[in-house]
C-alpha atoms as a PDB file:
ATOM      1  CA  MET A   1     140.817 109.740 126.858  1.00  0.00           C
ATOM      2  CA  ILE A   2     144.191 109.701 128.577  1.00  0.00           C
ATOM      3  CA  ARG A   3     145.087 113.090 129.930  1.00  0.00           C
ATOM      4  CA  SER A   4     147.909 114.836 128.066  1.00  0.00           C
ATOM      5  CA  SER A   5     149.969 115.194 131.227  1.00  0.00           C
ATOM      6  CA  GLN A   6     149.905 111.424 131.704  1.00  0.00           C
ATOM      7  CA  ARG A   7     150.266 110.161 128.184  1.00  0.00           C
ATOM      8  CA  ARG A   8     153.337 111.955 126.788  1.00  0.00           C
ATOM      9  CA  ARG A   9     157.030 111.401 126.989  1.00  0.00           C
ATOM     10  CA  PHE A  10     159.436 113.398 124.865  1.00  0.00           C
ATOM     11  CA  VAL A  11     162.487 112.786 122.708  1.00  0.00           C
ATOM     12  CA  LYS A  12     164.972 115.551 121.928  1.00  0.00           C
ATOM     13  CA  THR A  13     165.427 116.796 118.364  1.00  0.00           C
ATOM     14  CA  GLY A  14     167.808 119.584 119.337  1.00  0.00           C
ATOM     15  CA  LEU A  15     165.048 122.148 118.640  1.00  0.00           C
ATOM     16  CA  VAL A  16     161.855 121.422 120.514  1.00  0.00           C
ATOM     17  CA  PHE A  17     160.188 118.439 122.139  1.00  0.00           C
ATOM     18  CA  PRO A  18     158.993 115.507 119.992  1.00  0.00           C
ATOM     19  CA  ALA A  19     156.344 113.300 121.550  1.00  0.00           C
ATOM     20  CA  LEU A  20     157.123 109.647 122.118  1.00  0.00           C
ATOM     21  CA  VAL A  21     154.044 107.463 122.061  1.00  0.00           C
ATOM     22  CA  GLY A  22     152.758 104.240 120.566  1.00  0.00           C
ATOM     23  CA  LEU A  23     155.792 102.042 121.227  1.00  0.00           C
ATOM     24  CA  THR A  24     155.570  98.415 120.185  1.00  0.00           C
ATOM     25  CA  PRO A  25     157.258  96.126 122.743  1.00  0.00           C
ATOM     26  CA  LYS A  26     157.977  93.400 120.192  1.00  0.00           C
ATOM     27  CA  ALA A  27     159.323  95.731 117.536  1.00  0.00           C
ATOM     28  CA  ARG A  28     163.068  95.719 116.944  1.00  0.00           C
ATOM     29  CA  ALA A  29     164.974  98.835 117.937  1.00  0.00           C
ATOM     30  CA  ASP A  30     166.157  99.386 114.365  1.00  0.00           C
ATOM     31  CA  ASP A  31     162.543  99.298 113.126  1.00  0.00           C
ATOM     32  CA  LYS A  32     161.626 102.539 114.868  1.00  0.00           C
ATOM     33  CA  ILE A  33     159.785 104.964 112.600  1.00  0.00           C
ATOM     34  CA  LEU A  34     160.107 108.658 113.473  1.00  0.00           C
ATOM     35  CA  ILE A  35     157.593 111.009 111.845  1.00  0.00           C
ATOM     36  CA  GLY A  36     157.973 114.775 112.018  1.00  0.00           C
ATOM     37  CA  PHE A  37     155.057 117.123 112.635  1.00  0.00           C
ATOM     38  CA  TRP A  38     154.338 120.661 113.683  1.00  0.00           C
ATOM     39  CA  PRO A  39     151.421 121.456 115.983  1.00  0.00           C
ATOM     40  CA  ILE A  40     148.452 122.286 113.776  1.00  0.00           C
ATOM     41  CA  ALA A  41     145.036 120.655 113.480  1.00  0.00           C
ATOM     42  CA  SER A  42     145.639 118.926 110.136  1.00  0.00           C
ATOM     43  CA  GLY A  43     148.236 116.611 111.676  1.00  0.00           C
ATOM     44  CA  LEU A  44     145.323 114.721 113.234  1.00  0.00           C
ATOM     45  CA  PRO A  45     145.841 111.312 111.520  1.00  0.00           C
ATOM     46  CA  LEU A  46     149.271 110.988 113.123  1.00  0.00           C
ATOM     47  CA  TYR A  47     148.015 112.084 116.544  1.00  0.00           C
ATOM     48  CA  ALA A  48     145.087 109.673 116.424  1.00  0.00           C
ATOM     49  CA  GLY A  49     147.197 106.866 115.014  1.00  0.00           C
ATOM     50  CA  LEU A  50     149.608 107.189 117.922  1.00  0.00           C
ATOM     51  CA  GLU A  51     147.109 107.574 120.739  1.00  0.00           C
ATOM     52  CA  ARG A  52     144.569 105.026 119.534  1.00  0.00           C
ATOM     53  CA  GLY A  53     147.218 102.389 118.971  1.00  0.00           C
ATOM     54  CA  ILE A  54     146.570 102.074 115.238  1.00  0.00           C
ATOM     55  CA  PHE A  55     150.281 101.877 114.480  1.00  0.00           C
ATOM     56  CA  LYS A  56     150.908  99.582 117.413  1.00  0.00           C
ATOM     57  CA  GLN A  57     148.163  97.216 116.250  1.00  0.00           C
ATOM     58  CA  ALA A  58     149.961  97.037 112.900  1.00  0.00           C
ATOM     59  CA  GLY A  59     153.113  95.922 114.715  1.00  0.00           C
ATOM     60  CA  LEU A  60     154.846  99.244 114.165  1.00  0.00           C
ATOM     61  CA  GLN A  61     156.983 101.306 116.520  1.00  0.00           C
ATOM     62  CA  VAL A  62     156.069 104.841 115.494  1.00  0.00           C
ATOM     63  CA  GLU A  63     157.106 108.027 117.287  1.00  0.00           C
ATOM     64  CA  GLY A  64     156.017 111.597 116.610  1.00  0.00           C
ATOM     65  CA  ALA A  65     158.744 114.254 116.467  1.00  0.00           C
ATOM     66  CA  LYS A  66     157.418 117.754 117.135  1.00  0.00           C
ATOM     67  CA  PHE A  67     159.172 120.646 115.382  1.00  0.00           C
ATOM     68  CA  ALA A  68     158.704 124.400 115.470  1.00  0.00           C
ATOM     69  CA  SER A  69     158.191 124.712 111.708  1.00  0.00           C
ATOM     70  CA  ALA A  70     157.573 122.677 108.586  1.00  0.00           C
ATOM     71  CA  GLN A  71     160.993 123.719 107.295  1.00  0.00           C
ATOM     72  CA  GLN A  72     162.622 121.999 110.264  1.00  0.00           C
ATOM     73  CA  VAL A  73     160.648 118.842 109.491  1.00  0.00           C
ATOM     74  CA  ALA A  74     161.888 118.952 105.889  1.00  0.00           C
ATOM     75  CA  GLU A  75     165.478 119.546 106.990  1.00  0.00           C
ATOM     76  CA  ALA A  76     165.298 116.560 109.321  1.00  0.00           C
ATOM     77  CA  MET A  77     164.112 114.419 106.406  1.00  0.00           C
ATOM     78  CA  ILE A  78     167.075 115.541 104.298  1.00  0.00           C
ATOM     79  CA  ALA A  79     169.427 114.748 107.187  1.00  0.00           C
ATOM     80  CA  GLY A  80     167.909 111.276 107.526  1.00  0.00           C
ATOM     81  CA  ARG A  81     166.839 111.864 111.124  1.00  0.00           C
ATOM     82  CA  ILE A  82     163.173 111.096 110.452  1.00  0.00           C
ATOM     83  CA  GLN A  83     161.400 108.780 108.027  1.00  0.00           C
ATOM     84  CA  GLY A  84     158.605 111.108 106.978  1.00  0.00           C
ATOM     85  CA  SER A  85     156.191 113.903 107.804  1.00  0.00           C
ATOM     86  CA  ALA A  86     152.641 114.064 109.090  1.00  0.00           C
ATOM     87  CA  ASN A  87     149.771 115.885 107.430  1.00  0.00           C
ATOM     88  CA  GLY A  88     150.028 119.600 107.993  1.00  0.00           C
ATOM     89  CA  THR A  89     153.700 119.778 107.007  1.00  0.00           C
ATOM     90  CA  ALA A  90     153.846 122.596 104.466  1.00  0.00           C
ATOM     91  CA  SER A  91     153.839 121.142 100.969  1.00  0.00           C
ATOM     92  CA  ALA A  92     156.040 123.952  99.627  1.00  0.00           C
ATOM     93  CA  ALA A  93     158.653 123.298 102.323  1.00  0.00           C
ATOM     94  CA  LEU A  94     158.610 119.627 101.342  1.00  0.00           C
ATOM     95  CA  ALA A  95     158.932 120.605  97.686  1.00  0.00           C
ATOM     96  CA  LEU A  96     161.959 122.766  98.439  1.00  0.00           C
ATOM     97  CA  ALA A  97     163.495 119.811 100.256  1.00  0.00           C
ATOM     98  CA  GLU A  98     162.828 117.651  97.194  1.00  0.00           C
ATOM     99  CA  ILE A  99     164.537 120.226  94.976  1.00  0.00           C
ATOM    100  CA  THR A 100     167.499 120.380  97.344  1.00  0.00           C
ATOM    101  CA  SER A 101     167.714 116.604  97.583  1.00  0.00           C
ATOM    102  CA  PRO A 102     166.147 115.102  94.409  1.00  0.00           C
ATOM    103  CA  GLY A 103     164.272 111.874  95.012  1.00  0.00           C
ATOM    104  CA  LEU A 104     163.873 112.624  98.717  1.00  0.00           C
ATOM    105  CA  LEU A 105     160.202 111.839  99.359  1.00  0.00           C
ATOM    106  CA  LYS A 106     156.816 110.544  98.293  1.00  0.00           C
ATOM    107  CA  ILE A 107     153.459 112.039  99.290  1.00  0.00           C
ATOM    108  CA  VAL A 108     151.142 109.508 100.951  1.00  0.00           C
ATOM    109  CA  CYS A 109     148.362 111.893 101.976  1.00  0.00           C
ATOM    110  CA  SER A 110     147.596 115.573 101.622  1.00  0.00           C
ATOM    111  CA  ASN A 111     145.082 117.778 103.374  1.00  0.00           C
ATOM    112  CA  PRO A 112     142.869 119.906 101.123  1.00  0.00           C
ATOM    113  CA  SER A 113     141.340 123.013 102.616  1.00  0.00           C
ATOM    114  CA  ASN A 114     139.129 125.826 101.366  1.00  0.00           C
ATOM    115  CA  ARG A 115     136.276 127.960 102.710  1.00  0.00           C
ATOM    116  CA  THR A 116     134.398 124.817 103.783  1.00  0.00           C
ATOM    117  CA  LEU A 117     137.292 122.623 104.939  1.00  0.00           C
ATOM    118  CA  VAL A 118     138.775 125.357 107.078  1.00  0.00           C
ATOM    119  CA  LEU A 119     142.482 125.490 107.838  1.00  0.00           C
ATOM    120  CA  ASP A 120     143.983 128.769 106.585  1.00  0.00           C
ATOM    121  CA  GLN A 121     142.790 132.156 107.777  1.00  0.00           C
ATOM    122  CA  PHE A 122     143.552 135.773 108.539  1.00  0.00           C
ATOM    123  CA  LEU A 123     142.975 136.879 112.136  1.00  0.00           C
ATOM    124  CA  VAL A 124     142.786 140.276 113.793  1.00  0.00           C
ATOM    125  CA  PRO A 125     142.315 141.332 117.429  1.00  0.00           C
ATOM    126  CA  LYS A 126     138.728 140.999 118.592  1.00  0.00           C
ATOM    127  CA  ASP A 127     138.164 144.750 118.793  1.00  0.00           C
ATOM    128  CA  SER A 128     140.016 145.659 115.594  1.00  0.00           C
ATOM    129  CA  THR A 129     138.246 148.093 113.281  1.00  0.00           C
ATOM    130  CA  VAL A 130     139.543 146.190 110.241  1.00  0.00           C
ATOM    131  CA  GLN A 131     136.720 144.440 108.368  1.00  0.00           C
ATOM    132  CA  ALA A 132     138.504 143.198 105.236  1.00  0.00           C
ATOM    133  CA  ILE A 133     141.992 142.131 104.181  1.00  0.00           C
ATOM    134  CA  ARG A 134     142.204 145.079 101.782  1.00  0.00           C
ATOM    135  CA  GLU A 135     142.244 147.370 104.836  1.00  0.00           C
ATOM    136  CA  LEU A 136     145.531 145.930 106.136  1.00  0.00           C
ATOM    137  CA  GLY A 137     147.805 148.262 104.168  1.00  0.00           C
ATOM    138  CA  GLY A 138     150.397 149.825 106.449  1.00  0.00           C
ATOM    139  CA  ARG A 139     149.529 147.501 109.322  1.00  0.00           C
ATOM    140  CA  LYS A 140     151.852 145.142 111.203  1.00  0.00           C
ATOM    141  CA  ILE A 141     151.231 141.712 109.719  1.00  0.00           C
ATOM    142  CA  ALA A 142     152.648 138.344 110.676  1.00  0.00           C
ATOM    143  CA  SER A 143     152.476 134.760 109.454  1.00  0.00           C
ATOM    144  CA  GLY A 144     153.602 131.353 110.540  1.00  0.00           C
ATOM    145  CA  PRO A 145     157.281 130.513 110.033  1.00  0.00           C
ATOM    146  CA  GLY A 146     158.693 129.292 106.752  1.00  0.00           C
ATOM    147  CA  ILE A 147     158.766 130.295 103.108  1.00  0.00           C
ATOM    148  CA  GLN A 148     155.332 128.834 102.327  1.00  0.00           C
ATOM    149  CA  ASN A 149     153.525 130.857 104.988  1.00  0.00           C
ATOM    150  CA  VAL A 150     155.329 134.109 104.243  1.00  0.00           C
ATOM    151  CA  THR A 151     154.931 133.798 100.480  1.00  0.00           C
ATOM    152  CA  LEU A 152     151.233 132.964 100.681  1.00  0.00           C
ATOM    153  CA  ALA A 153     150.549 135.794 103.122  1.00  0.00           C
ATOM    154  CA  LYS A 154     152.208 138.253 100.732  1.00  0.00           C
ATOM    155  CA  ILE A 155     150.252 136.945  97.727  1.00  0.00           C
ATOM    156  CA  ILE A 156     146.955 137.289  99.589  1.00  0.00           C
ATOM    157  CA  LEU A 157     147.788 140.850 100.578  1.00  0.00           C
ATOM    158  CA  GLU A 158     148.850 141.700  97.023  1.00  0.00           C
ATOM    159  CA  LYS A 159     145.613 140.239  95.639  1.00  0.00           C
ATOM    160  CA  ASN A 160     143.812 142.651  97.958  1.00  0.00           C
ATOM    161  CA  GLY A 161     145.591 145.678  96.541  1.00  0.00           C
ATOM    162  CA  ILE A 162     148.410 145.999  99.074  1.00  0.00           C
ATOM    163  CA  THR A 163     151.722 146.695  97.350  1.00  0.00           C
ATOM    164  CA  ASN A 164     155.065 145.483  98.672  1.00  0.00           C
ATOM    165  CA  PRO A 165     153.574 143.889 101.812  1.00  0.00           C
ATOM    166  CA  GLN A 166     155.895 143.239 104.751  1.00  0.00           C
ATOM    167  CA  VAL A 167     155.273 140.060 106.745  1.00  0.00           C
ATOM    168  CA  THR A 168     156.958 139.019 109.990  1.00  0.00           C
ATOM    169  CA  GLU A 169     157.454 135.330 110.793  1.00  0.00           C
ATOM    170  CA  LEU A 170     156.139 134.168 114.166  1.00  0.00           C
ATOM    171  CA  PRO A 171     155.769 130.676 115.667  1.00  0.00           C
ATOM    172  CA  VAL A 172     152.121 129.612 115.516  1.00  0.00           C
ATOM    173  CA  GLY A 173     151.867 129.502 119.309  1.00  0.00           C
ATOM    174  CA  GLN A 174     152.640 133.242 119.467  1.00  0.00           C
ATOM    175  CA  HIS A 175     149.946 134.384 117.033  1.00  0.00           C
ATOM    176  CA  VAL A 176     147.083 134.881 119.484  1.00  0.00           C
ATOM    177  CA  PRO A 177     149.232 136.426 122.265  1.00  0.00           C
ATOM    178  CA  ALA A 178     150.877 138.807 119.772  1.00  0.00           C
ATOM    179  CA  LEU A 179     147.490 139.956 118.487  1.00  0.00           C
ATOM    180  CA  ALA A 180     146.099 140.351 121.996  1.00  0.00           C
ATOM    181  CA  ALA A 181     149.130 142.360 123.098  1.00  0.00           C
ATOM    182  CA  GLY A 182     148.931 144.687 120.111  1.00  0.00           C
ATOM    183  CA  GLN A 183     152.329 143.607 118.803  1.00  0.00           C
ATOM    184  CA  ILE A 184     150.767 142.851 115.415  1.00  0.00           C
ATOM    185  CA  ASP A 185     147.557 143.979 113.716  1.00  0.00           C
ATOM    186  CA  ALA A 186     146.780 140.824 111.734  1.00  0.00           C
ATOM    187  CA  VAL A 187     148.168 137.377 111.092  1.00  0.00           C
ATOM    188  CA  TYR A 188     147.938 134.731 108.400  1.00  0.00           C
ATOM    189  CA  THR A 189     147.686 131.497 110.343  1.00  0.00           C
ATOM    190  CA  LEU A 190     146.307 127.955 110.488  1.00  0.00           C
ATOM    191  CA  GLU A 191     143.786 126.238 112.711  1.00  0.00           C
ATOM    192  CA  PRO A 192     143.461 125.683 115.632  1.00  0.00           C
ATOM    193  CA  THR A 193     144.833 129.213 116.140  1.00  0.00           C
ATOM    194  CA  GLY A 194     141.642 130.955 115.069  1.00  0.00           C
ATOM    195  CA  THR A 195     139.493 128.755 117.266  1.00  0.00           C
ATOM    196  CA  ALA A 196     141.735 129.247 120.287  1.00  0.00           C
ATOM    197  CA  GLY A 197     141.714 133.021 119.907  1.00  0.00           C
ATOM    198  CA  ARG A 198     137.976 133.243 119.307  1.00  0.00           C
ATOM    199  CA  VAL A 199     136.965 131.033 122.219  1.00  0.00           C
ATOM    200  CA  LYS A 200     139.257 132.962 124.545  1.00  0.00           C
ATOM    201  CA  GLY A 201     137.689 136.217 123.387  1.00  0.00           C
ATOM    202  CA  LEU A 202     140.981 137.598 122.062  1.00  0.00           C
ATOM    203  CA  THR A 203     140.746 137.436 118.281  1.00  0.00           C
ATOM    204  CA  ARG A 204     138.276 137.116 115.426  1.00  0.00           C
ATOM    205  CA  VAL A 205     138.524 135.625 111.956  1.00  0.00           C
ATOM    206  CA  LEU A 206     138.843 138.211 109.225  1.00  0.00           C
ATOM    207  CA  GLU A 207     138.521 135.606 106.465  1.00  0.00           C
ATOM    208  CA  ASN A 208     138.781 131.816 106.137  1.00  0.00           C
ATOM    209  CA  GLY A 209     139.906 129.799 103.126  1.00  0.00           C
ATOM    210  CA  VAL A 210     142.120 132.557 101.786  1.00  0.00           C
ATOM    211  CA  ILE A 211     144.478 130.363  99.745  1.00  0.00           C
ATOM    212  CA  ALA A 212     141.753 128.725  97.670  1.00  0.00           C
ATOM    213  CA  LYS A 213     140.168 132.114  96.985  1.00  0.00           C
ATOM    214  CA  TYR A 214     143.162 134.346  96.326  1.00  0.00           C
ATOM    215  CA  VAL A 215     145.919 131.962  95.222  1.00  0.00           C
ATOM    216  CA  LEU A 216     143.992 129.234  93.377  1.00  0.00           C
ATOM    217  CA  GLY A 217     141.237 131.548  92.191  1.00  0.00           C
ATOM    218  CA  ASP A 218     138.286 129.503  93.465  1.00  0.00           C
ATOM    219  CA  PRO A 219     137.059 129.567  97.090  1.00  0.00           C
ATOM    220  CA  ASP A 220     135.950 125.949  96.754  1.00  0.00           C
ATOM    221  CA  ALA A 221     139.174 124.653  95.190  1.00  0.00           C
ATOM    222  CA  PRO A 222     141.223 122.172  97.217  1.00  0.00           C
ATOM    223  CA  TRP A 223     144.406 123.754  98.528  1.00  0.00           C
ATOM    224  CA  PHE A 224     146.836 120.949  99.307  1.00  0.00           C
ATOM    225  CA  GLY A 225     148.917 123.038 101.654  1.00  0.00           C
ATOM    226  CA  GLY A 226     150.213 120.248 103.893  1.00  0.00           C
ATOM    227  CA  SER A 227     151.259 116.695 103.204  1.00  0.00           C
ATOM    228  CA  ALA A 228     152.161 113.461 104.912  1.00  0.00           C
ATOM    229  CA  THR A 229     155.189 111.854 103.327  1.00  0.00           C
ATOM    230  CA  VAL A 230     157.722 109.068 103.615  1.00  0.00           C
ATOM    231  CA  THR A 231     161.321 109.349 102.522  1.00  0.00           C
ATOM    232  CA  THR A 232     162.470 107.322  99.554  1.00  0.00           C
ATOM    233  CA  ALA A 233     165.390 106.123 101.684  1.00  0.00           C
ATOM    234  CA  PHE A 234     162.867 104.542 104.049  1.00  0.00           C
ATOM    235  CA  LEU A 235     161.012 102.991 101.112  1.00  0.00           C
ATOM    236  CA  LYS A 236     164.246 101.610  99.679  1.00  0.00           C
ATOM    237  CA  ASP A 237     165.940 100.446 102.870  1.00  0.00           C
ATOM    238  CA  LYS A 238     162.891  98.905 104.563  1.00  0.00           C
ATOM    239  CA  PRO A 239     160.252  98.443 101.862  1.00  0.00           C
ATOM    240  CA  GLU A 240     157.973  96.073 103.805  1.00  0.00           C
ATOM    241  CA  LEU A 241     158.084  98.195 106.944  1.00  0.00           C
ATOM    242  CA  ALA A 242     157.406 101.349 104.935  1.00  0.00           C
ATOM    243  CA  LYS A 243     154.494  99.698 103.140  1.00  0.00           C
ATOM    244  CA  ARG A 244     152.978  98.659 106.464  1.00  0.00           C
ATOM    245  CA  TYR A 245     153.400 102.166 107.820  1.00  0.00           C
ATOM    246  CA  VAL A 246     151.657 103.748 104.818  1.00  0.00           C
ATOM    247  CA  ALA A 247     148.790 101.249 105.166  1.00  0.00           C
ATOM    248  CA  ALA A 248     148.468 102.005 108.885  1.00  0.00           C
ATOM    249  CA  TYR A 249     148.532 105.756 108.228  1.00  0.00           C
ATOM    250  CA  ALA A 250     145.695 105.254 105.753  1.00  0.00           C
ATOM    251  CA  GLN A 251     143.789 103.394 108.484  1.00  0.00           C
ATOM    252  CA  ALA A 252     144.314 106.380 110.795  1.00  0.00           C
ATOM    253  CA  VAL A 253     142.964 108.712 108.105  1.00  0.00           C
ATOM    254  CA  ASP A 254     139.932 106.469 107.652  1.00  0.00           C
ATOM    255  CA  TRP A 255     139.290 106.423 111.404  1.00  0.00           C
ATOM    256  CA  VAL A 256     139.490 110.241 111.588  1.00  0.00           C
ATOM    257  CA  ARG A 257     137.036 110.595 108.706  1.00  0.00           C
ATOM    258  CA  LYS A 258     134.521 108.282 110.342  1.00  0.00           C
ATOM    259  CA  ASN A 259     134.924 109.599 113.897  1.00  0.00           C
ATOM    260  CA  THR A 260     135.479 113.340 113.545  1.00  0.00           C
ATOM    261  CA  ASP A 261     134.076 114.334 116.933  1.00  0.00           C
ATOM    262  CA  GLU A 262     136.060 111.722 118.816  1.00  0.00           C
ATOM    263  CA  ALA A 263     139.130 112.389 116.677  1.00  0.00           C
ATOM    264  CA  ARG A 264     139.217 116.027 117.744  1.00  0.00           C
ATOM    265  CA  LYS A 265     140.136 114.892 121.260  1.00  0.00           C
ATOM    266  CA  HIS A 266     143.575 113.950 119.989  1.00  0.00           C
ATOM    267  CA  LEU A 267     144.368 117.593 119.228  1.00  0.00           C
ATOM    268  CA  ASP A 268     144.837 118.138 122.961  1.00  0.00           C
ATOM    269  CA  GLY A 269     148.516 117.986 123.825  1.00  0.00           C
ATOM    270  CA  PHE A 270     149.728 117.889 120.215  1.00  0.00           C
ATOM    271  CA  THR A 271     148.454 121.399 119.411  1.00  0.00           C
ATOM    272  CA  ALA A 272     147.765 124.602 121.343  1.00  0.00           C
ATOM    273  CA  ILE A 273     144.086 123.759 121.687  1.00  0.00           C
ATOM    274  CA  GLU A 274     143.038 122.615 125.154  1.00  0.00           C
ATOM    275  CA  GLU A 275     140.879 119.549 125.777  1.00  0.00           C
ATOM    276  CA  GLY A 276     137.818 121.612 126.621  1.00  0.00           C
ATOM    277  CA  LEU A 277     137.900 123.447 123.285  1.00  0.00           C
ATOM    278  CA  VAL A 278     138.562 120.637 120.806  1.00  0.00           C
ATOM    279  CA  LYS A 279     134.915 120.392 119.707  1.00  0.00           C
ATOM    280  CA  GLU A 280     135.153 123.913 118.317  1.00  0.00           C
ATOM    281  CA  VAL A 281     138.007 123.215 115.900  1.00  0.00           C
ATOM    282  CA  PRO A 282     137.158 122.900 112.176  1.00  0.00           C
ATOM    283  CA  LEU A 283     138.985 120.138 110.333  1.00  0.00           C
ATOM    284  CA  ALA A 284     140.709 120.135 106.977  1.00  0.00           C
ATOM    285  CA  GLY A 285     140.147 117.237 104.603  1.00  0.00           C
ATOM    286  CA  PHE A 286     142.464 114.336 103.828  1.00  0.00           C
ATOM    287  CA  THR A 287     143.229 112.910 100.391  1.00  0.00           C
ATOM    288  CA  LEU A 288     145.251 109.699 100.201  1.00  0.00           C
ATOM    289  CA  TYR A 289     147.757 109.073  97.415  1.00  0.00           C
ATOM    290  CA  ASP A 290     145.344 106.777  95.541  1.00  0.00           C
ATOM    291  CA  GLU A 291     142.367 109.142  95.883  1.00  0.00           C
ATOM    292  CA  PHE A 292     143.656 112.107  93.873  1.00  0.00           C
ATOM    293  CA  LYS A 293     141.385 113.041  90.978  1.00  0.00           C
ATOM    294  CA  PRO A 294     142.854 114.732  87.877  1.00  0.00           C
ATOM    295  CA  SER A 295     141.354 118.047  89.039  1.00  0.00           C
ATOM    296  CA  ASP A 296     143.036 117.630  92.444  1.00  0.00           C
ATOM    297  CA  VAL A 297     146.413 117.125  90.782  1.00  0.00           C
ATOM    298  CA  GLU A 298     145.799 120.211  88.620  1.00  0.00           C
ATOM    299  CA  TYR A 299     145.099 122.410  91.645  1.00  0.00           C
ATOM    300  CA  PHE A 300     148.067 120.953  93.524  1.00  0.00           C
ATOM    301  CA  GLN A 301     150.263 121.678  90.501  1.00  0.00           C
ATOM    302  CA  LYS A 302     148.891 125.219  90.261  1.00  0.00           C
ATOM    303  CA  PHE A 303     149.879 125.754  93.892  1.00  0.00           C
ATOM    304  CA  PHE A 304     153.445 124.542  93.256  1.00  0.00           C
ATOM    305  CA  ASP A 305     153.706 126.601  90.081  1.00  0.00           C
ATOM    306  CA  VAL A 306     153.107 129.773  92.110  1.00  0.00           C
ATOM    307  CA  PHE A 307     156.440 129.162  93.828  1.00  0.00           C
ATOM    308  CA  THR A 308     158.131 128.386  90.523  1.00  0.00           C
ATOM    309  CA  ASP A 309     156.812 131.609  89.017  1.00  0.00           C
ATOM    310  CA  ARG A 310     158.143 133.557  91.985  1.00  0.00           C
ATOM    311  CA  LYS A 311     161.590 131.941  91.597  1.00  0.00           C
ATOM    312  CA  ILE A 312     161.327 130.341  95.027  1.00  0.00           C
ATOM    313  CA  PHE A 313     161.503 126.918  93.372  1.00  0.00           C
ATOM    314  CA  SER A 314     164.555 126.672  91.139  1.00  0.00           C
ATOM    315  CA  ARG A 315     162.763 124.230  88.879  1.00  0.00           C
ATOM    316  CA  ARG A 316     159.237 123.052  88.208  1.00  0.00           C
ATOM    317  CA  LEU A 317     158.135 120.019  90.222  1.00  0.00           C
ATOM    318  CA  ASP A 318     155.674 117.524  88.775  1.00  0.00           C
ATOM    319  CA  VAL A 319     153.183 116.790  91.570  1.00  0.00           C
ATOM    320  CA  LYS A 320     152.096 113.516  90.008  1.00  0.00           C
ATOM    321  CA  SER A 321     155.661 112.180  90.162  1.00  0.00           C
ATOM    322  CA  LEU A 322     155.775 112.871  93.903  1.00  0.00           C
ATOM    323  CA  LEU A 323     152.719 110.784  94.768  1.00  0.00           C
ATOM    324  CA  TYR A 324     153.409 107.470  96.471  1.00  0.00           C
ATOM    325  CA  THR A 325     152.501 104.314  94.552  1.00  0.00           C
ATOM    326  CA  ALA A 326     151.832 101.075  96.419  1.00  0.00           C
END
C-alpha cells in the first residue's frame, strides 16, 4: 500500500483539506467529479475506490473532498460545489438539505449498522466508574457535530432515563483527546474513534449499536445513519457520466465486501486511524440502492420520522422516493 504521506494531495474547500486522488489523465477537465466525505470508517467505498483506481479504470476523474462535518458536505451539495457524498455522510443532514432544496439528491448506497455491524457507540475514559448509559446523568457529554449526532445522543440519553440531557458538539478527531483530558465524561461517536481510543489505552466502549437499540427499538435493526448520494443536478446535466460513477461506486462497494481485511488499509490517511491499527476497526455494512428490502425501507423511514416527530424536519420525507433508480 502507498504510504499516506506519499499518496495524498489536497484541494481547498475553504474549511478543511479535501484529498485529491484518482485523477484520470484522459478525462476532460469539466468531467471532474467531486465527492464530499467526512473522516469516519463507513466512507470506505470512496477511499478504496480512489486508492485502488476503481474510478480511474472506469474512465472517471473522481476527487474526494474532506469536510469537518456531514452538514458541511450537505451544504456544499446545495451550493453545487460537489456532485455527491460518500457513505458515512449523516442521512439526517442529507435529508435536511433535501428539505431545504427539494429534489437535491438521490441515495445510491447507505450503510446499515447495529450491534453486529458496529459504527455508533458511547465511549467513556478507560478508568471511568460509569458502567451504563443510564449512569451519565449530570455528566459532561459530547457528540459529533451536526443535528443528527446531537439529536440521536439526546434520544439515547432520554431512553436511559436522563431528562433534559445537554450535549456538546465536538469534531470527531477531538473525542478521544477530550475524554483522556477529562474535558468530557462520555461521548456519542462513530468508528474508528472507539477503536483508536481503546488501542491507545485511553477510552473504553460503554455500549455499541446504540441507535438500533434505543432509537429503532431493535438491537439488530439496520440503522441507515449515513448515505452515499449524487445530486440530481449531476444526474440531469451529465446523465451518462453520473451513471458511470454510480456503477463504479457499486464496484467499490463490492470490492470492500469481498476484501474486508485489505479494504481496511484504506482507512489510513482518510480517517484518524493509523496504518498499524486498521485491522482492529469494525466495519458497518453497505446497502446499494437496488438492494433495499421492504423491511430496510421501513427502518430507514422510522429513522427519518424521528426527526419529523421532533420538528427538526419541517415535513415528512419519503425514503423510497429518495433512492436512486438506474
